[in-house]
């Protein structure tokens, strides 16, 4: 997670339009990996970096940037898994509601950034 964050932070700093660099299926897999890691009950050392990485992507407001890419991955992934009994990707509100209270408190800034994805999607 930390490596992914570092790589995407570099792209963000350089104003690279990362949304187009990855296929839709890869954005969906990235969203699934971030959500799965942030919800892992076994390791805080995995949950926090996953939320930090997701927040870093979400904070990229560059047109065609990582924020749009993650938003797309979540939207498309949730739609593709809508009928599944155990979806790998869910919308932002469901994702955040599944976080344990301690992680939610510790990562409140990251969660706020992630929630803004949902706000952007509805506008």
C-alpha atoms as a PDB file:
ATOM      1  CA  UNK A   1       0.000   0.000   0.000  1.00  0.00           C
ATOM      2  CA  UNK A   2       2.772   2.406   0.860  1.00  0.00           C
ATOM      3  CA  UNK A   3       4.529   1.716  -2.440  1.00  0.00           C
ATOM      4  CA  UNK A   4       1.322   2.311  -4.384  1.00  0.00           C
ATOM      5  CA  UNK A   5       0.794   5.557  -2.503  1.00  0.00           C
ATOM      6  CA  UNK A   6       4.354   6.638  -3.237  1.00  0.00           C
ATOM      7  CA  UNK A   7       4.012   5.863  -6.961  1.00  0.00           C
ATOM      8  CA  UNK A   8       0.671   7.622  -7.312  1.00  0.00           C
ATOM      9  CA  UNK A   9       1.912  10.587  -5.258  1.00  0.00           C
ATOM     10  CA  UNK A  10       4.711  10.975  -7.792  1.00  0.00           C
ATOM     11  CA  UNK A  11       2.217  10.889 -10.681  1.00  0.00           C
ATOM     12  CA  UNK A  12       0.012  13.409  -8.864  1.00  0.00           C
ATOM     13  CA  UNK A  13       2.958  15.717  -8.222  1.00  0.00           C
ATOM     14  CA  UNK A  14       3.859  15.565 -11.910  1.00  0.00           C
ATOM     15  CA  UNK A  15       0.205  16.204 -12.891  1.00  0.00           C
ATOM     16  CA  UNK A  16       0.017  12.934 -14.834  1.00  0.00           C
ATOM     17  CA  UNK A  17      -3.503  12.036 -15.926  1.00  0.00           C
ATOM     18  CA  UNK A  18      -3.457   8.578 -14.424  1.00  0.00           C
ATOM     19  CA  UNK A  19      -7.081   7.678 -15.110  1.00  0.00           C
ATOM     20  CA  UNK A  20      -6.319   6.968 -18.737  1.00  0.00           C
ATOM     21  CA  UNK A  21      -3.141   5.041 -17.931  1.00  0.00           C
ATOM     22  CA  UNK A  22      -5.035   2.172 -16.324  1.00  0.00           C
ATOM     23  CA  UNK A  23      -7.861   0.210 -17.893  1.00  0.00           C
ATOM     24  CA  UNK A  24     -11.239   0.298 -16.175  1.00  0.00           C
ATOM     25  CA  UNK A  25     -10.769  -3.267 -14.934  1.00  0.00           C
ATOM     26  CA  UNK A  26      -7.506  -2.276 -13.228  1.00  0.00           C
ATOM     27  CA  UNK A  27      -9.117   0.716 -11.496  1.00  0.00           C
ATOM     28  CA  UNK A  28     -11.776  -1.694 -10.252  1.00  0.00           C
ATOM     29  CA  UNK A  29      -9.108  -4.091  -8.967  1.00  0.00           C
ATOM     30  CA  UNK A  30      -7.279  -1.231  -7.276  1.00  0.00           C
ATOM     31  CA  UNK A  31     -10.517  -0.120  -5.600  1.00  0.00           C
ATOM     32  CA  UNK A  32     -11.151  -3.698  -4.480  1.00  0.00           C
ATOM     33  CA  UNK A  33      -7.632  -4.028  -3.071  1.00  0.00           C
ATOM     34  CA  UNK A  34      -7.873  -0.720  -1.198  1.00  0.00           C
ATOM     35  CA  UNK A  35     -11.261  -1.590   0.247  1.00  0.00           C
ATOM     36  CA  UNK A  36     -10.219  -5.114   1.211  1.00  0.00           C
ATOM     37  CA  UNK A  37      -7.011  -3.942   2.881  1.00  0.00           C
ATOM     38  CA  UNK A  38      -8.736  -1.119   4.750  1.00  0.00           C
ATOM     39  CA  UNK A  39     -11.294  -3.567   6.138  1.00  0.00           C
ATOM     40  CA  UNK A  40      -8.810  -6.296   7.096  1.00  0.00           C
ATOM     41  CA  UNK A  41      -9.617  -7.177  10.716  1.00  0.00           C
ATOM     42  CA  UNK A  42      -6.179  -8.641  11.385  1.00  0.00           C
ATOM     43  CA  UNK A  43      -3.854  -5.744  10.803  1.00  0.00           C
ATOM     44  CA  UNK A  44      -3.961  -2.056  11.613  1.00  0.00           C
ATOM     45  CA  UNK A  45      -0.627  -1.864   9.788  1.00  0.00           C
ATOM     46  CA  UNK A  46      -2.534  -2.688   6.616  1.00  0.00           C
ATOM     47  CA  UNK A  47      -5.769  -0.753   7.235  1.00  0.00           C
ATOM     48  CA  UNK A  48      -4.177   2.629   7.854  1.00  0.00           C
ATOM     49  CA  UNK A  49      -1.839   2.645   4.808  1.00  0.00           C
ATOM     50  CA  UNK A  50      -4.739   1.493   2.611  1.00  0.00           C
ATOM     51  CA  UNK A  51      -6.879   4.408   3.760  1.00  0.00           C
ATOM     52  CA  UNK A  52      -3.956   6.815   3.381  1.00  0.00           C
ATOM     53  CA  UNK A  53      -3.377   5.583  -0.173  1.00  0.00           C
ATOM     54  CA  UNK A  54      -7.075   5.872  -1.033  1.00  0.00           C
ATOM     55  CA  UNK A  55      -7.163   9.386   0.418  1.00  0.00           C
ATOM     56  CA  UNK A  56      -4.095  10.400  -1.562  1.00  0.00           C
ATOM     57  CA  UNK A  57      -5.794   9.241  -4.760  1.00  0.00           C
ATOM     58  CA  UNK A  58      -9.082  10.864  -3.783  1.00  0.00           C
ATOM     59  CA  UNK A  59      -7.357  14.191  -3.101  1.00  0.00           C
ATOM     60  CA  UNK A  60      -6.049  14.381  -6.662  1.00  0.00           C
ATOM     61  CA  UNK A  61      -8.362  16.895  -8.276  1.00  0.00           C
ATOM     62  CA  UNK A  62      -6.491  16.932 -11.572  1.00  0.00           C
ATOM     63  CA  UNK A  63      -8.890  16.353 -14.487  1.00  0.00           C
ATOM     64  CA  UNK A  64      -8.343  12.752 -15.542  1.00  0.00           C
ATOM     65  CA  UNK A  65      -6.231  12.183 -12.450  1.00  0.00           C
ATOM     66  CA  UNK A  66      -6.125   9.542  -9.757  1.00  0.00           C
ATOM     67  CA  UNK A  67      -9.199  10.912  -7.971  1.00  0.00           C
ATOM     68  CA  UNK A  68     -11.305  10.390 -11.062  1.00  0.00           C
ATOM     69  CA  UNK A  69      -9.684   7.003 -11.612  1.00  0.00           C
ATOM     70  CA  UNK A  70     -10.492   5.767  -8.115  1.00  0.00           C
ATOM     71  CA  UNK A  71     -13.988   7.208  -8.310  1.00  0.00           C
ATOM     72  CA  UNK A  72     -14.485   5.380 -11.624  1.00  0.00           C
ATOM     73  CA  UNK A  73     -13.095   2.128 -10.195  1.00  0.00           C
ATOM     74  CA  UNK A  74     -15.431   2.249  -7.217  1.00  0.00           C
ATOM     75  CA  UNK A  75     -18.471   3.173  -9.304  1.00  0.00           C
ATOM     76  CA  UNK A  76     -17.877   0.577 -11.992  1.00  0.00           C
ATOM     77  CA  UNK A  77     -16.774  -2.101  -9.531  1.00  0.00           C
ATOM     78  CA  UNK A  78     -19.818  -1.597  -7.320  1.00  0.00           C
ATOM     79  CA  UNK A  79     -22.117  -1.700 -10.357  1.00  0.00           C
ATOM     80  CA  UNK A  80     -20.508  -4.887 -11.663  1.00  0.00           C
ATOM     81  CA  UNK A  81     -20.837  -6.568  -8.262  1.00  0.00           C
ATOM     82  CA  UNK A  82     -24.299  -5.243  -7.386  1.00  0.00           C
ATOM     83  CA  UNK A  83     -25.933  -8.673  -7.496  1.00  0.00           C
ATOM     84  CA  UNK A  84     -23.133 -10.503  -5.714  1.00  0.00           C
ATOM     85  CA  UNK A  85     -23.671 -11.944  -2.237  1.00  0.00           C
ATOM     86  CA  UNK A  86     -20.156 -10.842  -1.247  1.00  0.00           C
ATOM     87  CA  UNK A  87     -19.145  -7.897  -3.448  1.00  0.00           C
ATOM     88  CA  UNK A  88     -15.463  -7.015  -3.644  1.00  0.00           C
ATOM     89  CA  UNK A  89     -16.186  -3.357  -4.373  1.00  0.00           C
ATOM     90  CA  UNK A  90     -18.927  -1.339  -2.707  1.00  0.00           C
ATOM     91  CA  UNK A  91     -19.840   2.327  -2.873  1.00  0.00           C
ATOM     92  CA  UNK A  92     -18.036   4.775  -0.630  1.00  0.00           C
ATOM     93  CA  UNK A  93     -20.776   5.085   1.997  1.00  0.00           C
ATOM     94  CA  UNK A  94     -20.997   1.328   2.516  1.00  0.00           C
ATOM     95  CA  UNK A  95     -17.201   1.032   2.568  1.00  0.00           C
ATOM     96  CA  UNK A  96     -16.783   3.712   5.220  1.00  0.00           C
ATOM     97  CA  UNK A  97     -19.629   2.316   7.319  1.00  0.00           C
ATOM     98  CA  UNK A  98     -17.824  -1.049   7.514  1.00  0.00           C
ATOM     99  CA  UNK A  99     -14.658   0.441   9.043  1.00  0.00           C
ATOM    100  CA  UNK A 100     -14.063  -0.345  12.681  1.00  0.00           C
ATOM    101  CA  UNK A 101     -14.500   2.608  15.077  1.00  0.00           C
ATOM    102  CA  UNK A 102     -10.832   2.812  16.096  1.00  0.00           C
ATOM    103  CA  UNK A 103      -9.623   2.963  12.498  1.00  0.00           C
ATOM    104  CA  UNK A 104     -12.341   5.500  11.676  1.00  0.00           C
ATOM    105  CA  UNK A 105     -11.156   7.734  14.488  1.00  0.00           C
ATOM    106  CA  UNK A 106      -7.451   7.363  13.683  1.00  0.00           C
ATOM    107  CA  UNK A 107      -7.939   7.932   9.962  1.00  0.00           C
ATOM    108  CA  UNK A 108     -10.645  10.600  10.045  1.00  0.00           C
ATOM    109  CA  UNK A 109      -8.815  12.891   7.584  1.00  0.00           C
ATOM    110  CA  UNK A 110      -8.351  10.050   5.102  1.00  0.00           C
ATOM    111  CA  UNK A 111     -11.999   9.069   5.445  1.00  0.00           C
ATOM    112  CA  UNK A 112     -13.093  12.659   4.855  1.00  0.00           C
ATOM    113  CA  UNK A 113     -11.089  12.714   1.616  1.00  0.00           C
ATOM    114  CA  UNK A 114     -12.613   9.396   0.534  1.00  0.00           C
ATOM    115  CA  UNK A 115     -16.135  10.643   1.335  1.00  0.00           C
ATOM    116  CA  UNK A 116     -15.560  13.592  -1.009  1.00  0.00           C
ATOM    117  CA  UNK A 117     -15.432  11.074  -3.869  1.00  0.00           C
ATOM    118  CA  UNK A 118     -19.088  10.323  -3.216  1.00  0.00           C
ATOM    119  CA  UNK A 119     -19.909  14.026  -3.100  1.00  0.00           C
ATOM    120  CA  UNK A 120     -18.154  14.576  -6.434  1.00  0.00           C
ATOM    121  CA  UNK A 121     -20.025  11.645  -7.968  1.00  0.00           C
ATOM    122  CA  UNK A 122     -23.397  13.092  -7.008  1.00  0.00           C
ATOM    123  CA  UNK A 123     -22.681  16.529  -8.502  1.00  0.00           C
END
